[in-house]
Amino acid sequence: MELVKALRITRQSQVAFVGSGGKSTTIFQLARQLSPPVIVTATTHLAVDQLGLADRHYVVNSSENFDDIEWREEVILFTGELSNDGRTQGIEKIIWRKFVNWRSVGIVQF
């Protein structure tokens, strides 16, 4: 059985994952089970080796213009800048608000 069916997750669902391991893998697994396009965002750090779990990755800041992004049938990851410790920074709240306005796009946030 697919995880989205087992947890009864839809594009409108809000789900939180906590714990010490496996969250990122689980979240990307869920994103792949939703009908694309799906946006994955991180408000906390994400290890660089996990960026490949998405089909495309964008580093964004609060002044980013998202109108030029081509929305393909894929999982798209948006994060903040890469920090010195080999992890991405989380995105800012202002950016998250821009994503919420896109009703036709599934959004998974962690």
PDB file of N, CA and C in Angstrom:
ATOM      1  N   MET A   1       0.834  -1.179   0.000  1.00  0.00           N
ATOM      2  CA  MET A   1       0.000   0.000   0.000  1.00  0.00           C
ATOM      3  C   MET A   1       0.883   1.248   0.000  1.00  0.00           C
ATOM      4  N   GLU A   2       0.449   2.262  -0.740  1.00  0.00           N
ATOM      5  CA  GLU A   2       1.181   3.522  -0.768  1.00  0.00           C
ATOM      6  C   GLU A   2       0.993   4.268   0.547  1.00  0.00           C
ATOM      7  N   LEU A   3       2.038   4.993   0.927  1.00  0.00           N
ATOM      8  CA  LEU A   3       2.020   5.752   2.173  1.00  0.00           C
ATOM      9  C   LEU A   3       0.931   6.824   2.176  1.00  0.00           C
ATOM     10  N   VAL A   4       0.709   7.493   1.036  1.00  0.00           N
ATOM     11  CA  VAL A   4      -0.325   8.532   0.987  1.00  0.00           C
ATOM     12  C   VAL A   4      -1.708   7.951   1.227  1.00  0.00           C
ATOM     13  N   LYS A   5      -1.939   6.731   0.768  1.00  0.00           N
ATOM     14  CA  LYS A   5      -3.232   6.086   1.008  1.00  0.00           C
ATOM     15  C   LYS A   5      -3.345   5.619   2.450  1.00  0.00           C
ATOM     16  N   ALA A   6      -2.279   5.040   2.970  1.00  0.00           N
ATOM     17  CA  ALA A   6      -2.305   4.541   4.347  1.00  0.00           C
ATOM     18  C   ALA A   6      -2.541   5.675   5.343  1.00  0.00           C
ATOM     19  N   LEU A   7      -1.964   6.840   5.071  1.00  0.00           N
ATOM     20  CA  LEU A   7      -2.115   7.990   5.967  1.00  0.00           C
ATOM     21  C   LEU A   7      -3.261   8.916   5.553  1.00  0.00           C
ATOM     22  N   ARG A   8      -3.945   8.559   4.454  1.00  0.00           N
ATOM     23  CA  ARG A   8      -5.069   9.349   3.922  1.00  0.00           C
ATOM     24  C   ARG A   8      -4.655  10.793   3.632  1.00  0.00           C
ATOM     25  N   ILE A   9      -3.527  10.924   2.976  1.00  0.00           N
ATOM     26  CA  ILE A   9      -2.988  12.243   2.651  1.00  0.00           C
ATOM     27  C   ILE A   9      -3.493  12.680   1.281  1.00  0.00           C
ATOM     28  N   THR A  10      -3.965  13.923   1.227  1.00  0.00           N
ATOM     29  CA  THR A  10      -4.383  14.538  -0.032  1.00  0.00           C
ATOM     30  C   THR A  10      -3.548  15.799  -0.239  1.00  0.00           C
ATOM     31  N   ARG A  11      -3.791  16.491  -1.343  1.00  0.00           N
ATOM     32  CA  ARG A  11      -3.062  17.735  -1.615  1.00  0.00           C
ATOM     33  C   ARG A  11      -3.386  18.815  -0.584  1.00  0.00           C
ATOM     34  N   GLN A  12      -4.496  18.677   0.117  1.00  0.00           N
ATOM     35  CA  GLN A  12      -4.882  19.662   1.126  1.00  0.00           C
ATOM     36  C   GLN A  12      -4.422  19.284   2.534  1.00  0.00           C
ATOM     37  N   SER A  13      -3.855  18.116   2.710  1.00  0.00           N
ATOM     38  CA  SER A  13      -3.444  17.640   4.034  1.00  0.00           C
ATOM     39  C   SER A  13      -2.281  18.447   4.587  1.00  0.00           C
ATOM     40  N   GLN A  14      -2.244  18.525   5.910  1.00  0.00           N
ATOM     41  CA  GLN A  14      -1.107  19.104   6.617  1.00  0.00           C
ATOM     42  C   GLN A  14      -0.617  18.045   7.586  1.00  0.00           C
ATOM     43  N   VAL A  15       0.611  17.583   7.373  1.00  0.00           N
ATOM     44  CA  VAL A  15       1.158  16.473   8.147  1.00  0.00           C
ATOM     45  C   VAL A  15       2.506  16.886   8.716  1.00  0.00           C
ATOM     46  N   ALA A  16       2.779  16.503   9.958  1.00  0.00           N
ATOM     47  CA  ALA A  16       4.071  16.800  10.587  1.00  0.00           C
ATOM     48  C   ALA A  16       4.804  15.496  10.861  1.00  0.00           C
ATOM     49  N   PHE A  17       6.100  15.492  10.592  1.00  0.00           N
ATOM     50  CA  PHE A  17       6.949  14.348  10.896  1.00  0.00           C
ATOM     51  C   PHE A  17       8.021  14.796  11.876  1.00  0.00           C
ATOM     52  N   VAL A  18       8.182  14.044  12.948  1.00  0.00           N
ATOM     53  CA  VAL A  18       9.192  14.359  13.960  1.00  0.00           C
ATOM     54  C   VAL A  18      10.011  13.112  14.240  1.00  0.00           C
ATOM     55  N   GLY A  19      11.183  13.298  14.804  1.00  0.00           N
ATOM     56  CA  GLY A  19      12.030  12.164  15.147  1.00  0.00           C
ATOM     57  C   GLY A  19      13.465  12.417  14.742  1.00  0.00           C
ATOM     58  N   SER A  20      14.279  11.411  14.946  1.00  0.00           N
ATOM     59  CA  SER A  20      15.711  11.602  14.734  1.00  0.00           C
ATOM     60  C   SER A  20      16.222  11.037  13.418  1.00  0.00           C
ATOM     61  N   GLY A  21      15.376  10.455  12.615  1.00  0.00           N
ATOM     62  CA  GLY A  21      15.866   9.922  11.350  1.00  0.00           C
ATOM     63  C   GLY A  21      14.742   9.477  10.437  1.00  0.00           C
ATOM     64  N   GLY A  22      14.962   9.599   9.130  1.00  0.00           N
ATOM     65  CA  GLY A  22      14.018   9.107   8.143  1.00  0.00           C
ATOM     66  C   GLY A  22      12.973  10.101   7.682  1.00  0.00           C
ATOM     67  N   LYS A  23      12.952  11.290   8.260  1.00  0.00           N
ATOM     68  CA  LYS A  23      11.924  12.265   7.896  1.00  0.00           C
ATOM     69  C   LYS A  23      12.049  12.705   6.433  1.00  0.00           C
ATOM     70  N   SER A  24      13.230  13.078   6.022  1.00  0.00           N
ATOM     71  CA  SER A  24      13.419  13.580   4.654  1.00  0.00           C
ATOM     72  C   SER A  24      13.062  12.521   3.623  1.00  0.00           C
ATOM     73  N   THR A  25      13.522  11.308   3.833  1.00  0.00           N
ATOM     74  CA  THR A  25      13.218  10.217   2.905  1.00  0.00           C
ATOM     75  C   THR A  25      11.721   9.983   2.827  1.00  0.00           C
ATOM     76  N   THR A  26      11.056   9.977   3.967  1.00  0.00           N
ATOM     77  CA  THR A  26       9.609   9.766   4.010  1.00  0.00           C
ATOM     78  C   THR A  26       8.875  10.893   3.300  1.00  0.00           C
ATOM     79  N   ILE A  27       9.292  12.116   3.541  1.00  0.00           N
ATOM     80  CA  ILE A  27       8.628  13.261   2.925  1.00  0.00           C
ATOM     81  C   ILE A  27       8.778  13.232   1.406  1.00  0.00           C
ATOM     82  N   PHE A  28       9.953  12.909   0.915  1.00  0.00           N
ATOM     83  CA  PHE A  28      10.126  12.821  -0.535  1.00  0.00           C
ATOM     84  C   PHE A  28       9.356  11.638  -1.114  1.00  0.00           C
ATOM     85  N   GLN A  29       9.238  10.565  -0.361  1.00  0.00           N
ATOM     86  CA  GLN A  29       8.438   9.425  -0.801  1.00  0.00           C
ATOM     87  C   GLN A  29       6.976   9.850  -0.949  1.00  0.00           C
ATOM     88  N   LEU A  30       6.470  10.604   0.018  1.00  0.00           N
ATOM     89  CA  LEU A  30       5.106  11.124  -0.066  1.00  0.00           C
ATOM     90  C   LEU A  30       4.946  12.054  -1.260  1.00  0.00           C
ATOM     91  N   ALA A  31       5.910  12.921  -1.473  1.00  0.00           N
ATOM     92  CA  ALA A  31       5.847  13.861  -2.590  1.00  0.00           C
ATOM     93  C   ALA A  31       5.748  13.119  -3.915  1.00  0.00           C
ATOM     94  N   ARG A  32       6.448  12.025  -4.050  1.00  0.00           N
ATOM     95  CA  ARG A  32       6.420  11.240  -5.290  1.00  0.00           C
ATOM     96  C   ARG A  32       5.092  10.510  -5.476  1.00  0.00           C
ATOM     97  N   GLN A  33       4.368  10.291  -4.391  1.00  0.00           N
ATOM     98  CA  GLN A  33       3.093   9.595  -4.484  1.00  0.00           C
ATOM     99  C   GLN A  33       1.921  10.544  -4.745  1.00  0.00           C
ATOM    100  N   LEU A  34       2.133  11.852  -4.589  1.00  0.00           N
ATOM    101  CA  LEU A  34       1.107  12.835  -4.925  1.00  0.00           C
ATOM    102  C   LEU A  34       1.176  13.127  -6.415  1.00  0.00           C
ATOM    103  N   SER A  35       0.061  13.576  -6.987  1.00  0.00           N
ATOM    104  CA  SER A  35       0.096  13.895  -8.408  1.00  0.00           C
ATOM    105  C   SER A  35       0.899  15.177  -8.623  1.00  0.00           C
ATOM    106  N   PRO A  36       1.853  15.143  -9.547  1.00  0.00           N
ATOM    107  CA  PRO A  36       2.746  16.287  -9.759  1.00  0.00           C
ATOM    108  C   PRO A  36       2.048  17.424 -10.503  1.00  0.00           C
ATOM    109  N   PRO A  37       2.614  18.627 -10.449  1.00  0.00           N
ATOM    110  CA  PRO A  37       3.864  18.971  -9.784  1.00  0.00           C
ATOM    111  C   PRO A  37       3.687  19.109  -8.275  1.00  0.00           C
ATOM    112  N   VAL A  38       4.757  18.812  -7.550  1.00  0.00           N
ATOM    113  CA  VAL A  38       4.764  18.905  -6.094  1.00  0.00           C
ATOM    114  C   VAL A  38       5.971  19.730  -5.672  1.00  0.00           C
ATOM    115  N   ILE A  39       5.729  20.702  -4.798  1.00  0.00           N
ATOM    116  CA  ILE A  39       6.802  21.514  -4.232  1.00  0.00           C
ATOM    117  C   ILE A  39       7.160  20.945  -2.873  1.00  0.00           C
ATOM    118  N   VAL A  40       8.450  20.782  -2.628  1.00  0.00           N
ATOM    119  CA  VAL A  40       8.946  20.411  -1.301  1.00  0.00           C
ATOM    120  C   VAL A  40       9.765  21.590  -0.808  1.00  0.00           C
ATOM    121  N   THR A  41       9.481  22.045   0.411  1.00  0.00           N
ATOM    122  CA  THR A  41      10.251  23.133   1.000  1.00  0.00           C
ATOM    123  C   THR A  41      10.778  22.695   2.351  1.00  0.00           C
ATOM    124  N   ALA A  42      11.826  23.339   2.777  1.00  0.00           N
ATOM    125  CA  ALA A  42      12.396  23.048   4.091  1.00  0.00           C
ATOM    126  C   ALA A  42      12.513  24.350   4.869  1.00  0.00           C
ATOM    127  N   THR A  43      11.879  24.404   6.038  1.00  0.00           N
ATOM    128  CA  THR A  43      12.029  25.578   6.899  1.00  0.00           C
ATOM    129  C   THR A  43      13.185  25.377   7.864  1.00  0.00           C
ATOM    130  N   THR A  44      13.744  24.177   7.868  1.00  0.00           N
ATOM    131  CA  THR A  44      14.942  23.884   8.649  1.00  0.00           C
ATOM    132  C   THR A  44      16.025  23.438   7.679  1.00  0.00           C
ATOM    133  N   HIS A  45      17.152  23.001   8.200  1.00  0.00           N
ATOM    134  CA  HIS A  45      18.260  22.599   7.330  1.00  0.00           C
ATOM    135  C   HIS A  45      17.980  21.261   6.636  1.00  0.00           C
ATOM    136  N   LEU A  46      18.686  21.049   5.552  1.00  0.00           N
ATOM    137  CA  LEU A  46      18.624  19.805   4.795  1.00  0.00           C
ATOM    138  C   LEU A  46      20.043  19.496   4.348  1.00  0.00           C
ATOM    139  N   ALA A  47      20.477  18.263   4.519  1.00  0.00           N
ATOM    140  CA  ALA A  47      21.833  17.880   4.125  1.00  0.00           C
ATOM    141  C   ALA A  47      21.979  17.931   2.605  1.00  0.00           C
ATOM    142  N   VAL A  48      23.141  18.348   2.139  1.00  0.00           N
ATOM    143  CA  VAL A  48      23.396  18.477   0.708  1.00  0.00           C
ATOM    144  C   VAL A  48      23.177  17.153  -0.022  1.00  0.00           C
ATOM    145  N   ASP A  49      23.544  16.035   0.591  1.00  0.00           N
ATOM    146  CA  ASP A  49      23.372  14.746  -0.091  1.00  0.00           C
ATOM    147  C   ASP A  49      21.905  14.361  -0.257  1.00  0.00           C
ATOM    148  N   GLN A  50      20.988  15.080   0.373  1.00  0.00           N
ATOM    149  CA  GLN A  50      19.560  14.804   0.222  1.00  0.00           C
ATOM    150  C   GLN A  50      18.923  15.617  -0.901  1.00  0.00           C
ATOM    151  N   LEU A  51      19.648  16.559  -1.474  1.00  0.00           N
ATOM    152  CA  LEU A  51      19.093  17.396  -2.532  1.00  0.00           C
ATOM    153  C   LEU A  51      18.712  16.577  -3.758  1.00  0.00           C
ATOM    154  N   GLY A  52      19.401  15.479  -3.985  1.00  0.00           N
ATOM    155  CA  GLY A  52      19.121  14.614  -5.121  1.00  0.00           C
ATOM    156  C   GLY A  52      17.818  13.849  -5.012  1.00  0.00           C
ATOM    157  N   LEU A  53      17.145  13.928  -3.874  1.00  0.00           N
ATOM    158  CA  LEU A  53      15.845  13.271  -3.725  1.00  0.00           C
ATOM    159  C   LEU A  53      14.768  13.972  -4.547  1.00  0.00           C
ATOM    160  N   ALA A  54      15.031  15.211  -4.955  1.00  0.00           N
ATOM    161  CA  ALA A  54      14.099  15.973  -5.794  1.00  0.00           C
ATOM    162  C   ALA A  54      14.535  15.885  -7.251  1.00  0.00           C
ATOM    163  N   ASP A  55      13.593  16.139  -8.149  1.00  0.00           N
ATOM    164  CA  ASP A  55      13.930  16.190  -9.571  1.00  0.00           C
ATOM    165  C   ASP A  55      14.687  17.472  -9.901  1.00  0.00           C
ATOM    166  N   ARG A  56      14.286  18.567  -9.242  1.00  0.00           N
ATOM    167  CA  ARG A  56      14.960  19.854  -9.428  1.00  0.00           C
ATOM    168  C   ARG A  56      15.081  20.549  -8.082  1.00  0.00           C
ATOM    169  N   HIS A  57      16.143  21.337  -7.926  1.00  0.00           N
ATOM    170  CA  HIS A  57      16.381  22.075  -6.685  1.00  0.00           C
ATOM    171  C   HIS A  57      16.647  23.531  -7.022  1.00  0.00           C
ATOM    172  N   TYR A  58      15.967  24.424  -6.308  1.00  0.00           N
ATOM    173  CA  TYR A  58      16.188  25.860  -6.444  1.00  0.00           C
ATOM    174  C   TYR A  58      16.577  26.438  -5.092  1.00  0.00           C
ATOM    175  N   VAL A  59      17.593  27.285  -5.085  1.00  0.00           N
ATOM    176  CA  VAL A  59      17.939  28.072  -3.904  1.00  0.00           C
ATOM    177  C   VAL A  59      17.219  29.401  -4.073  1.00  0.00           C
ATOM    178  N   VAL A  60      16.411  29.777  -3.081  1.00  0.00           N
ATOM    179  CA  VAL A  60      15.593  30.981  -3.204  1.00  0.00           C
ATOM    180  C   VAL A  60      15.828  31.931  -2.038  1.00  0.00           C
ATOM    181  N   ASN A  61      15.514  33.195  -2.281  1.00  0.00           N
ATOM    182  CA  ASN A  61      15.544  34.201  -1.220  1.00  0.00           C
ATOM    183  C   ASN A  61      14.253  34.999  -1.279  1.00  0.00           C
ATOM    184  N   SER A  62      14.076  35.930  -0.378  1.00  0.00           N
ATOM    185  CA  SER A  62      12.799  36.634  -0.258  1.00  0.00           C
ATOM    186  C   SER A  62      12.453  37.498  -1.468  1.00  0.00           C
ATOM    187  N   SER A  63      13.417  37.839  -2.287  1.00  0.00           N
ATOM    188  CA  SER A  63      13.140  38.672  -3.460  1.00  0.00           C
ATOM    189  C   SER A  63      12.932  37.849  -4.731  1.00  0.00           C
ATOM    190  N   GLU A  64      12.908  36.547  -4.602  1.00  0.00           N
ATOM    191  CA  GLU A  64      12.795  35.645  -5.755  1.00  0.00           C
ATOM    192  C   GLU A  64      11.482  35.864  -6.510  1.00  0.00           C
ATOM    193  N   ASN A  65      11.552  35.820  -7.834  1.00  0.00           N
ATOM    194  CA  ASN A  65      10.364  35.885  -8.674  1.00  0.00           C
ATOM    195  C   ASN A  65      10.076  34.476  -9.180  1.00  0.00           C
ATOM    196  N   PHE A  66       8.954  33.924  -8.777  1.00  0.00           N
ATOM    197  CA  PHE A  66       8.623  32.544  -9.124  1.00  0.00           C
ATOM    198  C   PHE A  66       7.805  32.433 -10.406  1.00  0.00           C
ATOM    199  N   ASP A  67       7.458  33.566 -11.013  1.00  0.00           N
ATOM    200  CA  ASP A  67       6.626  33.529 -12.210  1.00  0.00           C
ATOM    201  C   ASP A  67       7.331  32.871 -13.390  1.00  0.00           C
ATOM    202  N   ASP A  68       8.655  32.882 -13.399  1.00  0.00           N
ATOM    203  CA  ASP A  68       9.406  32.341 -14.530  1.00  0.00           C
ATOM    204  C   ASP A  68       9.722  30.855 -14.404  1.00  0.00           C
ATOM    205  N   ILE A  69       9.318  30.244 -13.298  1.00  0.00           N
ATOM    206  CA  ILE A  69       9.622  28.828 -13.093  1.00  0.00           C
ATOM    207  C   ILE A  69       8.694  27.973 -13.945  1.00  0.00           C
ATOM    208  N   GLU A  70       9.276  27.037 -14.645  1.00  0.00           N
ATOM    209  CA  GLU A  70       8.497  26.112 -15.467  1.00  0.00           C
ATOM    210  C   GLU A  70       8.033  24.955 -14.587  1.00  0.00           C
ATOM    211  N   TRP A  71       6.730  24.823 -14.450  1.00  0.00           N
ATOM    212  CA  TRP A  71       6.171  23.784 -13.578  1.00  0.00           C
ATOM    213  C   TRP A  71       5.971  22.509 -14.376  1.00  0.00           C
ATOM    214  N   ARG A  72       6.906  21.608 -14.238  1.00  0.00           N
ATOM    215  CA  ARG A  72       6.840  20.312 -14.919  1.00  0.00           C
ATOM    216  C   ARG A  72       6.191  19.295 -13.993  1.00  0.00           C
ATOM    217  N   GLU A  73       5.946  18.147 -14.527  1.00  0.00           N
ATOM    218  CA  GLU A  73       5.366  17.049 -13.754  1.00  0.00           C
ATOM    219  C   GLU A  73       6.475  16.373 -12.964  1.00  0.00           C
ATOM    220  N   GLU A  74       6.875  17.000 -11.860  1.00  0.00           N
ATOM    221  CA  GLU A  74       8.001  16.499 -11.085  1.00  0.00           C
ATOM    222  C   GLU A  74       7.952  17.030  -9.661  1.00  0.00           C
ATOM    223  N   VAL A  75       8.916  16.583  -8.862  1.00  0.00           N
ATOM    224  CA  VAL A  75       9.078  17.053  -7.488  1.00  0.00           C
ATOM    225  C   VAL A  75      10.158  18.129  -7.497  1.00  0.00           C
ATOM    226  N   ILE A  76       9.788  19.331  -7.029  1.00  0.00           N
ATOM    227  CA  ILE A  76      10.685  20.479  -7.051  1.00  0.00           C
ATOM    228  C   ILE A  76      10.990  20.883  -5.615  1.00  0.00           C
ATOM    229  N   LEU A  77      12.264  21.008  -5.294  1.00  0.00           N
ATOM    230  CA  LEU A  77      12.702  21.374  -3.951  1.00  0.00           C
ATOM    231  C   LEU A  77      13.174  22.821  -3.933  1.00  0.00           C
ATOM    232  N   PHE A  78      12.663  23.589  -2.967  1.00  0.00           N
ATOM    233  CA  PHE A  78      13.102  24.963  -2.740  1.00  0.00           C
ATOM    234  C   PHE A  78      13.723  25.039  -1.357  1.00  0.00           C
ATOM    235  N   THR A  79      14.952  25.571  -1.278  1.00  0.00           N
ATOM    236  CA  THR A  79      15.622  25.747   0.013  1.00  0.00           C
ATOM    237  C   THR A  79      16.266  27.125   0.066  1.00  0.00           C
ATOM    238  N   GLY A  80      16.791  27.446   1.240  1.00  0.00           N
ATOM    239  CA  GLY A  80      17.607  28.638   1.390  1.00  0.00           C
ATOM    240  C   GLY A  80      19.027  28.345   0.928  1.00  0.00           C
ATOM    241  N   GLU A  81      19.901  29.293   1.169  1.00  0.00           N
ATOM    242  CA  GLU A  81      21.304  29.192   0.763  1.00  0.00           C
ATOM    243  C   GLU A  81      22.015  28.020   1.442  1.00  0.00           C
ATOM    244  N   LEU A  82      23.114  27.588   0.839  1.00  0.00           N
ATOM    245  CA  LEU A  82      23.963  26.553   1.415  1.00  0.00           C
ATOM    246  C   LEU A  82      24.832  27.184   2.496  1.00  0.00           C
ATOM    247  N   SER A  83      24.860  26.575   3.676  1.00  0.00           N
ATOM    248  CA  SER A  83      25.672  27.111   4.770  1.00  0.00           C
ATOM    249  C   SER A  83      27.040  26.430   4.792  1.00  0.00           C
ATOM    250  N   ASN A  84      27.928  26.917   5.624  1.00  0.00           N
ATOM    251  CA  ASN A  84      29.298  26.394   5.704  1.00  0.00           C
ATOM    252  C   ASN A  84      29.377  24.980   6.249  1.00  0.00           C
ATOM    253  N   ASP A  85      28.338  24.514   6.911  1.00  0.00           N
ATOM    254  CA  ASP A  85      28.365  23.173   7.496  1.00  0.00           C
ATOM    255  C   ASP A  85      27.845  22.090   6.553  1.00  0.00           C
ATOM    256  N   GLY A  86      27.660  22.419   5.269  1.00  0.00           N
ATOM    257  CA  GLY A  86      27.235  21.426   4.293  1.00  0.00           C
ATOM    258  C   GLY A  86      25.746  21.141   4.317  1.00  0.00           C
ATOM    259  N   ARG A  87      24.979  22.078   4.837  1.00  0.00           N
ATOM    260  CA  ARG A  87      23.526  21.927   4.870  1.00  0.00           C
ATOM    261  C   ARG A  87      22.885  23.178   4.273  1.00  0.00           C
ATOM    262  N   THR A  88      21.668  23.004   3.799  1.00  0.00           N
ATOM    263  CA  THR A  88      20.931  24.156   3.304  1.00  0.00           C
ATOM    264  C   THR A  88      20.287  24.873   4.476  1.00  0.00           C
ATOM    265  N   GLN A  89      20.006  26.132   4.285  1.00  0.00           N
ATOM    266  CA  GLN A  89      19.234  26.877   5.266  1.00  0.00           C
ATOM    267  C   GLN A  89      17.760  26.742   4.919  1.00  0.00           C
ATOM    268  N   GLY A  90      16.908  26.942   5.899  1.00  0.00           N
ATOM    269  CA  GLY A  90      15.475  26.908   5.645  1.00  0.00           C
ATOM    270  C   GLY A  90      15.030  28.136   4.869  1.00  0.00           C
ATOM    271  N   ILE A  91      13.874  28.025   4.235  1.00  0.00           N
ATOM    272  CA  ILE A  91      13.337  29.180   3.518  1.00  0.00           C
ATOM    273  C   ILE A  91      12.641  30.116   4.501  1.00  0.00           C
ATOM    274  N   GLU A  92      12.522  31.364   4.103  1.00  0.00           N
ATOM    275  CA  GLU A  92      11.891  32.369   4.943  1.00  0.00           C
ATOM    276  C   GLU A  92      10.366  32.291   4.831  1.00  0.00           C
ATOM    277  N   LYS A  93       9.669  32.783   5.844  1.00  0.00           N
ATOM    278  CA  LYS A  93       8.202  32.745   5.860  1.00  0.00           C
ATOM    279  C   LYS A  93       7.589  33.472   4.674  1.00  0.00           C
ATOM    280  N   ILE A  94       8.213  34.557   4.239  1.00  0.00           N
ATOM    281  CA  ILE A  94       7.670  35.308   3.110  1.00  0.00           C
ATOM    282  C   ILE A  94       7.633  34.450   1.844  1.00  0.00           C
ATOM    283  N   ILE A  95       8.620  33.598   1.681  1.00  0.00           N
ATOM    284  CA  ILE A  95       8.654  32.696   0.526  1.00  0.00           C
ATOM    285  C   ILE A  95       7.579  31.635   0.672  1.00  0.00           C
ATOM    286  N   TRP A  96       7.426  31.086   1.861  1.00  0.00           N
ATOM    287  CA  TRP A  96       6.396  30.072   2.109  1.00  0.00           C
ATOM    288  C   TRP A  96       5.017  30.624   1.744  1.00  0.00           C
ATOM    289  N   ARG A  97       4.752  31.873   2.077  1.00  0.00           N
ATOM    290  CA  ARG A  97       3.450  32.479   1.761  1.00  0.00           C
ATOM    291  C   ARG A  97       3.215  32.527   0.252  1.00  0.00           C
ATOM    292  N   LYS A  98       4.263  32.725  -0.522  1.00  0.00           N
ATOM    293  CA  LYS A  98       4.115  32.720  -1.979  1.00  0.00           C
ATOM    294  C   LYS A  98       3.691  31.336  -2.470  1.00  0.00           C
ATOM    295  N   PHE A  99       4.253  30.286  -1.877  1.00  0.00           N
ATOM    296  CA  PHE A  99       3.902  28.924  -2.283  1.00  0.00           C
ATOM    297  C   PHE A  99       2.445  28.601  -1.978  1.00  0.00           C
ATOM    298  N   VAL A 100       1.960  29.064  -0.844  1.00  0.00           N
ATOM    299  CA  VAL A 100       0.595  28.758  -0.422  1.00  0.00           C
ATOM    300  C   VAL A 100      -0.423  29.281  -1.428  1.00  0.00           C
ATOM    301  N   ASN A 101      -0.091  30.343  -2.141  1.00  0.00           N
ATOM    302  CA  ASN A 101      -1.016  30.911  -3.123  1.00  0.00           C
ATOM    303  C   ASN A 101      -1.172  30.053  -4.370  1.00  0.00           C
ATOM    304  N   TRP A 102      -0.293  29.091  -4.588  1.00  0.00           N
ATOM    305  CA  TRP A 102      -0.381  28.227  -5.766  1.00  0.00           C
ATOM    306  C   TRP A 102      -1.236  27.019  -5.442  1.00  0.00           C
ATOM    307  N   ARG A 103      -2.530  27.118  -5.679  1.00  0.00           N
ATOM    308  CA  ARG A 103      -3.472  26.045  -5.339  1.00  0.00           C
ATOM    309  C   ARG A 103      -3.313  24.820  -6.235  1.00  0.00           C
ATOM    310  N   SER A 104      -2.808  25.003  -7.435  1.00  0.00           N
ATOM    311  CA  SER A 104      -2.713  23.880  -8.371  1.00  0.00           C
ATOM    312  C   SER A 104      -1.463  23.037  -8.163  1.00  0.00           C
ATOM    313  N   VAL A 105      -0.656  23.411  -7.192  1.00  0.00           N
ATOM    314  CA  VAL A 105       0.593  22.699  -6.948  1.00  0.00           C
ATOM    315  C   VAL A 105       0.540  22.052  -5.577  1.00  0.00           C
ATOM    316  N   GLY A 106       0.861  20.755  -5.495  1.00  0.00           N
ATOM    317  CA  GLY A 106       0.951  20.099  -4.198  1.00  0.00           C
ATOM    318  C   GLY A 106       2.178  20.602  -3.463  1.00  0.00           C
ATOM    319  N   ILE A 107       2.051  20.826  -2.156  1.00  0.00           N
ATOM    320  CA  ILE A 107       3.158  21.366  -1.373  1.00  0.00           C
ATOM    321  C   ILE A 107       3.436  20.458  -0.189  1.00  0.00           C
ATOM    322  N   VAL A 108       4.684  20.071  -0.045  1.00  0.00           N
ATOM    323  CA  VAL A 108       5.124  19.297   1.109  1.00  0.00           C
ATOM    324  C   VAL A 108       6.203  20.117   1.796  1.00  0.00           C
ATOM    325  N   GLN A 109       6.008  20.417   3.065  1.00  0.00           N
ATOM    326  CA  GLN A 109       6.962  21.248   3.799  1.00  0.00           C
ATOM    327  C   GLN A 109       7.497  20.489   4.992  1.00  0.00           C
ATOM    328  N   PHE A 110       8.800  20.655   5.243  1.00  0.00           N
ATOM    329  CA  PHE A 110       9.368  20.096   6.469  1.00  0.00           C
ATOM    330  C   PHE A 110      10.399  21.023   7.014  1.00  0.00           C
TER     331      PHE A 110
END
